[in-house]
Amino acid sequence: MNNLIDELRMKIIDTLKLEEVSPENMGEEDQLVGGELGLDSIDVLELVIMIEKDYAVKIDNKELGARVFANLKALSAYIAEESPKVTS
């Protein structure tokens, strides 16, 4: 799962064009939305689109989104569990 977390770090930085953020500064349990990264609802929408496209995983309601986007660890766990494209 660490490979997936590393991959997600890079994809988040690339998708949201976070030029001032380095992957090493994104902790697994750091809050994604409203935390140090300053992600907002528009950023989350962009990430949902990227995740659906790259991993074939749906995040289709607000409650699920809040849980999944809590931190990188939660996001990677959800993708690892739900994606047919990720093998353990």
PDB file of N, CA and C in Angstrom:
ATOM      1  N   MET A   1       0.822  -1.199   0.000  1.00  0.00           N
ATOM      2  CA  MET A   1       0.000   0.000   0.000  1.00  0.00           C
ATOM      3  C   MET A   1       0.863   1.258   0.000  1.00  0.00           C
ATOM      4  N   ASN A   2       2.107   1.185   0.460  1.00  0.00           N
ATOM      5  CA  ASN A   2       2.982   2.355   0.438  1.00  0.00           C
ATOM      6  C   ASN A   2       3.231   2.842  -0.981  1.00  0.00           C
ATOM      7  N   ASN A   3       3.334   1.905  -1.938  1.00  0.00           N
ATOM      8  CA  ASN A   3       3.501   2.314  -3.337  1.00  0.00           C
ATOM      9  C   ASN A   3       2.296   3.113  -3.814  1.00  0.00           C
ATOM     10  N   LEU A   4       1.096   2.687  -3.410  1.00  0.00           N
ATOM     11  CA  LEU A   4      -0.120   3.397  -3.786  1.00  0.00           C
ATOM     12  C   LEU A   4      -0.143   4.781  -3.142  1.00  0.00           C
ATOM     13  N   ILE A   5       0.254   4.877  -1.889  1.00  0.00           N
ATOM     14  CA  ILE A   5       0.300   6.176  -1.216  1.00  0.00           C
ATOM     15  C   ILE A   5       1.281   7.105  -1.930  1.00  0.00           C
ATOM     16  N   ASP A   6       2.448   6.598  -2.280  1.00  0.00           N
ATOM     17  CA  ASP A   6       3.429   7.409  -3.012  1.00  0.00           C
ATOM     18  C   ASP A   6       2.875   7.854  -4.367  1.00  0.00           C
ATOM     19  N   GLU A   7       2.209   6.936  -5.036  1.00  0.00           N
ATOM     20  CA  GLU A   7       1.600   7.255  -6.333  1.00  0.00           C
ATOM     21  C   GLU A   7       0.537   8.339  -6.170  1.00  0.00           C
ATOM     22  N   LEU A   8      -0.294   8.212  -5.130  1.00  0.00           N
ATOM     23  CA  LEU A   8      -1.342   9.204  -4.885  1.00  0.00           C
ATOM     24  C   LEU A   8      -0.756  10.572  -4.556  1.00  0.00           C
ATOM     25  N   ARG A   9       0.318  10.592  -3.801  1.00  0.00           N
ATOM     26  CA  ARG A   9       0.978  11.875  -3.508  1.00  0.00           C
ATOM     27  C   ARG A   9       1.320  12.597  -4.813  1.00  0.00           C
ATOM     28  N   MET A  10       1.951  11.875  -5.721  1.00  0.00           N
ATOM     29  CA  MET A  10       2.365  12.477  -6.991  1.00  0.00           C
ATOM     30  C   MET A  10       1.158  12.897  -7.834  1.00  0.00           C
ATOM     31  N   LYS A  11       0.130  12.061  -7.863  1.00  0.00           N
ATOM     32  CA  LYS A  11      -1.057  12.378  -8.658  1.00  0.00           C
ATOM     33  C   LYS A  11      -1.805  13.579  -8.091  1.00  0.00           C
ATOM     34  N   ILE A  12      -1.876  13.692  -6.771  1.00  0.00           N
ATOM     35  CA  ILE A  12      -2.540  14.843  -6.151  1.00  0.00           C
ATOM     36  C   ILE A  12      -1.781  16.122  -6.489  1.00  0.00           C
ATOM     37  N   ILE A  13      -0.475  16.087  -6.341  1.00  0.00           N
ATOM     38  CA  ILE A  13       0.348  17.258  -6.651  1.00  0.00           C
ATOM     39  C   ILE A  13       0.197  17.638  -8.122  1.00  0.00           C
ATOM     40  N   ASP A  14       0.236  16.651  -9.002  1.00  0.00           N
ATOM     41  CA  ASP A  14       0.137  16.907 -10.438  1.00  0.00           C
ATOM     42  C   ASP A  14      -1.259  17.389 -10.830  1.00  0.00           C
ATOM     43  N   THR A  15      -2.296  16.697 -10.358  1.00  0.00           N
ATOM     44  CA  THR A  15      -3.674  17.037 -10.714  1.00  0.00           C
ATOM     45  C   THR A  15      -4.039  18.445 -10.272  1.00  0.00           C
ATOM     46  N   LEU A  16      -3.629  18.805  -9.055  1.00  0.00           N
ATOM     47  CA  LEU A  16      -4.004  20.107  -8.500  1.00  0.00           C
ATOM     48  C   LEU A  16      -2.938  21.177  -8.722  1.00  0.00           C
ATOM     49  N   LYS A  17      -1.868  20.794  -9.419  1.00  0.00           N
ATOM     50  CA  LYS A  17      -0.774  21.730  -9.709  1.00  0.00           C
ATOM     51  C   LYS A  17      -0.261  22.415  -8.437  1.00  0.00           C
ATOM     52  N   LEU A  18       0.034  21.588  -7.437  1.00  0.00           N
ATOM     53  CA  LEU A  18       0.540  22.084  -6.150  1.00  0.00           C
ATOM     54  C   LEU A  18       2.059  22.200  -6.225  1.00  0.00           C
ATOM     55  N   GLU A  19       2.532  23.187  -6.926  1.00  0.00           N
ATOM     56  CA  GLU A  19       3.964  23.333  -7.185  1.00  0.00           C
ATOM     57  C   GLU A  19       4.786  23.559  -5.920  1.00  0.00           C
ATOM     58  N   GLU A  20       4.180  24.151  -4.902  1.00  0.00           N
ATOM     59  CA  GLU A  20       4.914  24.445  -3.673  1.00  0.00           C
ATOM     60  C   GLU A  20       4.929  23.275  -2.684  1.00  0.00           C
ATOM     61  N   VAL A  21       4.263  22.182  -3.034  1.00  0.00           N
ATOM     62  CA  VAL A  21       4.167  21.023  -2.143  1.00  0.00           C
ATOM     63  C   VAL A  21       5.073  19.910  -2.662  1.00  0.00           C
ATOM     64  N   SER A  22       5.853  19.313  -1.759  1.00  0.00           N
ATOM     65  CA  SER A  22       6.664  18.159  -2.148  1.00  0.00           C
ATOM     66  C   SER A  22       6.028  16.901  -1.557  1.00  0.00           C
ATOM     67  N   PRO A  23       6.182  15.766  -2.232  1.00  0.00           N
ATOM     68  CA  PRO A  23       5.581  14.524  -1.742  1.00  0.00           C
ATOM     69  C   PRO A  23       6.000  14.188  -0.309  1.00  0.00           C
ATOM     70  N   GLU A  24       7.239  14.497   0.043  1.00  0.00           N
ATOM     71  CA  GLU A  24       7.746  14.185   1.388  1.00  0.00           C
ATOM     72  C   GLU A  24       7.001  14.960   2.476  1.00  0.00           C
ATOM     73  N   ASN A  25       6.386  16.080   2.107  1.00  0.00           N
ATOM     74  CA  ASN A  25       5.671  16.901   3.087  1.00  0.00           C
ATOM     75  C   ASN A  25       4.216  16.490   3.257  1.00  0.00           C
ATOM     76  N   MET A  26       3.787  15.472   2.528  1.00  0.00           N
ATOM     77  CA  MET A  26       2.410  14.991   2.634  1.00  0.00           C
ATOM     78  C   MET A  26       2.395  13.722   3.479  1.00  0.00           C
ATOM     79  N   GLY A  27       2.076  13.865   4.753  1.00  0.00           N
ATOM     80  CA  GLY A  27       2.017  12.715   5.645  1.00  0.00           C
ATOM     81  C   GLY A  27       0.796  11.854   5.374  1.00  0.00           C
ATOM     82  N   GLU A  28       0.918  10.567   5.635  1.00  0.00           N
ATOM     83  CA  GLU A  28      -0.183   9.621   5.402  1.00  0.00           C
ATOM     84  C   GLU A  28      -1.442   9.993   6.165  1.00  0.00           C
ATOM     85  N   GLU A  29      -1.273  10.577   7.339  1.00  0.00           N
ATOM     86  CA  GLU A  29      -2.433  10.877   8.171  1.00  0.00           C
ATOM     87  C   GLU A  29      -2.725  12.368   8.272  1.00  0.00           C
ATOM     88  N   ASP A  30      -2.050  13.166   7.452  1.00  0.00           N
ATOM     89  CA  ASP A  30      -2.345  14.600   7.405  1.00  0.00           C
ATOM     90  C   ASP A  30      -3.713  14.809   6.773  1.00  0.00           C
ATOM     91  N   GLN A  31      -4.462  15.739   7.330  1.00  0.00           N
ATOM     92  CA  GLN A  31      -5.779  16.068   6.806  1.00  0.00           C
ATOM     93  C   GLN A  31      -5.639  16.609   5.388  1.00  0.00           C
ATOM     94  N   LEU A  32      -6.423  16.071   4.463  1.00  0.00           N
ATOM     95  CA  LEU A  32      -6.346  16.524   3.072  1.00  0.00           C
ATOM     96  C   LEU A  32      -7.169  17.789   2.842  1.00  0.00           C
ATOM     97  N   VAL A  33      -8.442  17.750   3.214  1.00  0.00           N
ATOM     98  CA  VAL A  33      -9.336  18.877   2.968  1.00  0.00           C
ATOM     99  C   VAL A  33      -9.282  19.834   4.152  1.00  0.00           C
ATOM    100  N   GLY A  34      -8.978  21.082   3.849  1.00  0.00           N
ATOM    101  CA  GLY A  34      -8.942  22.102   4.888  1.00  0.00           C
ATOM    102  C   GLY A  34      -7.715  22.048   5.774  1.00  0.00           C
ATOM    103  N   GLY A  35      -6.815  21.136   5.524  1.00  0.00           N
ATOM    104  CA  GLY A  35      -5.605  21.005   6.341  1.00  0.00           C
ATOM    105  C   GLY A  35      -4.475  21.841   5.776  1.00  0.00           C
ATOM    106  N   GLU A  36      -3.252  21.381   6.006  1.00  0.00           N
ATOM    107  CA  GLU A  36      -2.058  22.089   5.538  1.00  0.00           C
ATOM    108  C   GLU A  36      -2.059  22.304   4.021  1.00  0.00           C
ATOM    109  N   LEU A  37      -2.624  21.354   3.287  1.00  0.00           N
ATOM    110  CA  LEU A  37      -2.647  21.479   1.825  1.00  0.00           C
ATOM    111  C   LEU A  37      -3.627  22.547   1.349  1.00  0.00           C
ATOM    112  N   GLY A  38      -4.626  22.839   2.172  1.00  0.00           N
ATOM    113  CA  GLY A  38      -5.600  23.862   1.819  1.00  0.00           C
ATOM    114  C   GLY A  38      -6.560  23.452   0.711  1.00  0.00           C
ATOM    115  N   LEU A  39      -6.833  22.154   0.590  1.00  0.00           N
ATOM    116  CA  LEU A  39      -7.745  21.693  -0.452  1.00  0.00           C
ATOM    117  C   LEU A  39      -9.172  22.114  -0.133  1.00  0.00           C
ATOM    118  N   ASP A  40      -9.903  22.503  -1.175  1.00  0.00           N
ATOM    119  CA  ASP A  40     -11.298  22.882  -1.008  1.00  0.00           C
ATOM    120  C   ASP A  40     -12.184  21.946  -1.839  1.00  0.00           C
ATOM    121  N   SER A  41     -13.477  22.256  -1.901  1.00  0.00           N
ATOM    122  CA  SER A  41     -14.419  21.360  -2.577  1.00  0.00           C
ATOM    123  C   SER A  41     -14.132  21.237  -4.076  1.00  0.00           C
ATOM    124  N   ILE A  42     -13.646  22.282  -4.706  1.00  0.00           N
ATOM    125  CA  ILE A  42     -13.297  22.208  -6.130  1.00  0.00           C
ATOM    126  C   ILE A  42     -12.108  21.265  -6.328  1.00  0.00           C
ATOM    127  N   ASP A  43     -11.129  21.353  -5.433  1.00  0.00           N
ATOM    128  CA  ASP A  43      -9.975  20.447  -5.495  1.00  0.00           C
ATOM    129  C   ASP A  43     -10.424  18.996  -5.334  1.00  0.00           C
ATOM    130  N   VAL A  44     -11.330  18.763  -4.390  1.00  0.00           N
ATOM    131  CA  VAL A  44     -11.827  17.403  -4.156  1.00  0.00           C
ATOM    132  C   VAL A  44     -12.537  16.883  -5.404  1.00  0.00           C
ATOM    133  N   LEU A  45     -13.316  17.732  -6.042  1.00  0.00           N
ATOM    134  CA  LEU A  45     -14.003  17.328  -7.270  1.00  0.00           C
ATOM    135  C   LEU A  45     -12.996  16.918  -8.347  1.00  0.00           C
ATOM    136  N   GLU A  46     -11.927  17.676  -8.496  1.00  0.00           N
ATOM    137  CA  GLU A  46     -10.882  17.317  -9.461  1.00  0.00           C
ATOM    138  C   GLU A  46     -10.249  15.973  -9.107  1.00  0.00           C
ATOM    139  N   LEU A  47     -10.036  15.732  -7.814  1.00  0.00           N
ATOM    140  CA  LEU A  47      -9.450  14.460  -7.384  1.00  0.00           C
ATOM    141  C   LEU A  47     -10.407  13.300  -7.610  1.00  0.00           C
ATOM    142  N   VAL A  48     -11.701  13.525  -7.374  1.00  0.00           N
ATOM    143  CA  VAL A  48     -12.698  12.477  -7.618  1.00  0.00           C
ATOM    144  C   VAL A  48     -12.660  12.068  -9.089  1.00  0.00           C
ATOM    145  N   ILE A  49     -12.592  13.037  -9.977  1.00  0.00           N
ATOM    146  CA  ILE A  49     -12.539  12.745 -11.415  1.00  0.00           C
ATOM    147  C   ILE A  49     -11.280  11.953 -11.754  1.00  0.00           C
ATOM    148  N   MET A  50     -10.146  12.369 -11.197  1.00  0.00           N
ATOM    149  CA  MET A  50      -8.884  11.656 -11.448  1.00  0.00           C
ATOM    150  C   MET A  50      -8.958  10.219 -10.928  1.00  0.00           C
ATOM    151  N   ILE A  51      -9.510  10.032  -9.739  1.00  0.00           N
ATOM    152  CA  ILE A  51      -9.596   8.700  -9.130  1.00  0.00           C
ATOM    153  C   ILE A  51     -10.527   7.798  -9.941  1.00  0.00           C
ATOM    154  N   GLU A  52     -11.662   8.347 -10.371  1.00  0.00           N
ATOM    155  CA  GLU A  52     -12.581   7.555 -11.188  1.00  0.00           C
ATOM    156  C   GLU A  52     -11.919   7.139 -12.499  1.00  0.00           C
ATOM    157  N   LYS A  53     -11.185   8.055 -13.113  1.00  0.00           N
ATOM    158  CA  LYS A  53     -10.530   7.777 -14.397  1.00  0.00           C
ATOM    159  C   LYS A  53      -9.361   6.806 -14.235  1.00  0.00           C
ATOM    160  N   ASP A  54      -8.498   7.069 -13.271  1.00  0.00           N
ATOM    161  CA  ASP A  54      -7.265   6.285 -13.137  1.00  0.00           C
ATOM    162  C   ASP A  54      -7.448   4.948 -12.422  1.00  0.00           C
ATOM    163  N   TYR A  55      -8.420   4.877 -11.514  1.00  0.00           N
ATOM    164  CA  TYR A  55      -8.567   3.667 -10.698  1.00  0.00           C
ATOM    165  C   TYR A  55      -9.920   2.975 -10.855  1.00  0.00           C
ATOM    166  N   ALA A  56     -10.820   3.536 -11.650  1.00  0.00           N
ATOM    167  CA  ALA A  56     -12.159   2.965 -11.862  1.00  0.00           C
ATOM    168  C   ALA A  56     -12.907   2.780 -10.548  1.00  0.00           C
ATOM    169  N   VAL A  57     -12.794   3.788  -9.686  1.00  0.00           N
ATOM    170  CA  VAL A  57     -13.446   3.762  -8.374  1.00  0.00           C
ATOM    171  C   VAL A  57     -14.403   4.944  -8.288  1.00  0.00           C
ATOM    172  N   LYS A  58     -15.626   4.692  -7.846  1.00  0.00           N
ATOM    173  CA  LYS A  58     -16.630   5.742  -7.683  1.00  0.00           C
ATOM    174  C   LYS A  58     -16.638   6.242  -6.240  1.00  0.00           C
ATOM    175  N   ILE A  59     -16.731   7.545  -6.106  1.00  0.00           N
ATOM    176  CA  ILE A  59     -16.963   8.188  -4.808  1.00  0.00           C
ATOM    177  C   ILE A  59     -18.179   9.063  -5.058  1.00  0.00           C
ATOM    178  N   ASP A  60     -19.367   8.486  -4.791  1.00  0.00           N
ATOM    179  CA  ASP A  60     -20.581   9.109  -5.291  1.00  0.00           C
ATOM    180  C   ASP A  60     -21.512   9.712  -4.247  1.00  0.00           C
ATOM    181  N   ASN A  61     -21.029   9.890  -3.023  1.00  0.00           N
ATOM    182  CA  ASN A  61     -21.851  10.632  -2.071  1.00  0.00           C
ATOM    183  C   ASN A  61     -20.969  11.370  -1.067  1.00  0.00           C
ATOM    184  N   LYS A  62     -21.564  12.368  -0.455  1.00  0.00           N
ATOM    185  CA  LYS A  62     -20.807  13.272   0.417  1.00  0.00           C
ATOM    186  C   LYS A  62     -20.213  12.555   1.632  1.00  0.00           C
ATOM    187  N   GLU A  63     -20.972  11.648   2.233  1.00  0.00           N
ATOM    188  CA  GLU A  63     -20.497  10.935   3.422  1.00  0.00           C
ATOM    189  C   GLU A  63     -19.286  10.067   3.088  1.00  0.00           C
ATOM    190  N   LEU A  64     -19.366   9.359   1.987  1.00  0.00           N
ATOM    191  CA  LEU A  64     -18.241   8.529   1.549  1.00  0.00           C
ATOM    192  C   LEU A  64     -17.040   9.412   1.234  1.00  0.00           C
ATOM    193  N   GLY A  65     -17.274  10.505   0.538  1.00  0.00           N
ATOM    194  CA  GLY A  65     -16.197  11.430   0.203  1.00  0.00           C
ATOM    195  C   GLY A  65     -15.496  11.969   1.434  1.00  0.00           C
ATOM    196  N   ALA A  66     -16.270  12.332   2.451  1.00  0.00           N
ATOM    197  CA  ALA A  66     -15.675  12.859   3.687  1.00  0.00           C
ATOM    198  C   ALA A  66     -14.791  11.810   4.346  1.00  0.00           C
ATOM    199  N   ARG A  67     -15.229  10.559   4.330  1.00  0.00           N
ATOM    200  CA  ARG A  67     -14.447   9.482   4.938  1.00  0.00           C
ATOM    201  C   ARG A  67     -13.194   9.168   4.112  1.00  0.00           C
ATOM    202  N   VAL A  68     -13.364   9.073   2.812  1.00  0.00           N
ATOM    203  CA  VAL A  68     -12.270   8.692   1.922  1.00  0.00           C
ATOM    204  C   VAL A  68     -11.200   9.780   1.838  1.00  0.00           C
ATOM    205  N   PHE A  69     -11.617  11.034   1.834  1.00  0.00           N
ATOM    206  CA  PHE A  69     -10.666  12.135   1.718  1.00  0.00           C
ATOM    207  C   PHE A  69     -10.206  12.667   3.071  1.00  0.00           C
ATOM    208  N   ALA A  70     -10.362  11.879   4.117  1.00  0.00           N
ATOM    209  CA  ALA A  70      -9.873  12.291   5.440  1.00  0.00           C
ATOM    210  C   ALA A  70      -8.359  12.481   5.410  1.00  0.00           C
ATOM    211  N   ASN A  71      -7.665  11.523   4.787  1.00  0.00           N
ATOM    212  CA  ASN A  71      -6.197  11.589   4.688  1.00  0.00           C
ATOM    213  C   ASN A  71      -5.736  10.603   3.604  1.00  0.00           C
ATOM    214  N   LEU A  72      -4.455  10.626   3.312  1.00  0.00           N
ATOM    215  CA  LEU A  72      -3.908   9.732   2.272  1.00  0.00           C
ATOM    216  C   LEU A  72      -4.100   8.260   2.612  1.00  0.00           C
ATOM    217  N   LYS A  73      -3.969   7.931   3.875  1.00  0.00           N
ATOM    218  CA  LYS A  73      -4.110   6.539   4.307  1.00  0.00           C
ATOM    219  C   LYS A  73      -5.524   6.029   4.013  1.00  0.00           C
ATOM    220  N   ALA A  74      -6.534   6.832   4.343  1.00  0.00           N
ATOM    221  CA  ALA A  74      -7.921   6.445   4.089  1.00  0.00           C
ATOM    222  C   ALA A  74      -8.199   6.362   2.591  1.00  0.00           C
ATOM    223  N   LEU A  75      -7.678   7.309   1.842  1.00  0.00           N
ATOM    224  CA  LEU A  75      -7.872   7.319   0.394  1.00  0.00           C
ATOM    225  C   LEU A  75      -7.240   6.093  -0.257  1.00  0.00           C
ATOM    226  N   SER A  76      -6.017   5.784   0.114  1.00  0.00           N
ATOM    227  CA  SER A  76      -5.341   4.628  -0.487  1.00  0.00           C
ATOM    228  C   SER A  76      -6.010   3.318  -0.075  1.00  0.00           C
ATOM    229  N   ALA A  77      -6.480   3.232   1.159  1.00  0.00           N
ATOM    230  CA  ALA A  77      -7.167   2.017   1.611  1.00  0.00           C
ATOM    231  C   ALA A  77      -8.449   1.793   0.810  1.00  0.00           C
ATOM    232  N   TYR A  78      -9.200   2.861   0.580  1.00  0.00           N
ATOM    233  CA  TYR A  78     -10.438   2.748  -0.190  1.00  0.00           C
ATOM    234  C   TYR A  78     -10.145   2.318  -1.631  1.00  0.00           C
ATOM    235  N   ILE A  79      -9.164   2.947  -2.249  1.00  0.00           N
ATOM    236  CA  ILE A  79      -8.816   2.596  -3.628  1.00  0.00           C
ATOM    237  C   ILE A  79      -8.319   1.153  -3.702  1.00  0.00           C
ATOM    238  N   ALA A  80      -7.471   0.751  -2.773  1.00  0.00           N
ATOM    239  CA  ALA A  80      -6.943  -0.619  -2.769  1.00  0.00           C
ATOM    240  C   ALA A  80      -8.068  -1.643  -2.629  1.00  0.00           C
ATOM    241  N   GLU A  81      -9.082  -1.299  -1.844  1.00  0.00           N
ATOM    242  CA  GLU A  81     -10.198  -2.215  -1.605  1.00  0.00           C
ATOM    243  C   GLU A  81     -11.167  -2.259  -2.788  1.00  0.00           C
ATOM    244  N   GLU A  82     -11.399  -1.125  -3.425  1.00  0.00           N
ATOM    245  CA  GLU A  82     -12.459  -1.018  -4.428  1.00  0.00           C
ATOM    246  C   GLU A  82     -11.997  -1.098  -5.883  1.00  0.00           C
ATOM    247  N   SER A  83     -10.745  -0.818  -6.143  1.00  0.00           N
ATOM    248  CA  SER A  83     -10.305  -0.714  -7.535  1.00  0.00           C
ATOM    249  C   SER A  83      -9.919  -2.057  -8.141  1.00  0.00           C
ATOM    250  N   PRO A  84     -10.467  -2.348  -9.326  1.00  0.00           N
ATOM    251  CA  PRO A  84     -10.036  -3.555 -10.035  1.00  0.00           C
ATOM    252  C   PRO A  84      -8.637  -3.383 -10.636  1.00  0.00           C
ATOM    253  N   LYS A  85      -8.138  -2.144 -10.654  1.00  0.00           N
ATOM    254  CA  LYS A  85      -6.835  -1.859 -11.258  1.00  0.00           C
ATOM    255  C   LYS A  85      -5.678  -1.964 -10.274  1.00  0.00           C
ATOM    256  N   VAL A  86      -5.988  -2.104  -8.985  1.00  0.00           N
ATOM    257  CA  VAL A  86      -4.938  -2.172  -7.960  1.00  0.00           C
ATOM    258  C   VAL A  86      -4.893  -3.585  -7.408  1.00  0.00           C
ATOM    259  N   THR A  87      -3.715  -4.184  -7.428  1.00  0.00           N
ATOM    260  CA  THR A  87      -3.543  -5.512  -6.846  1.00  0.00           C
ATOM    261  C   THR A  87      -2.705  -5.394  -5.590  1.00  0.00           C
ATOM    262  N   SER A  88      -3.084  -6.141  -4.584  1.00  0.00           N
ATOM    263  CA  SER A  88      -2.372  -6.078  -3.299  1.00  0.00           C
ATOM    264  C   SER A  88      -1.027  -6.735  -3.370  1.00  0.00           C
TER     265      SER A  88
END
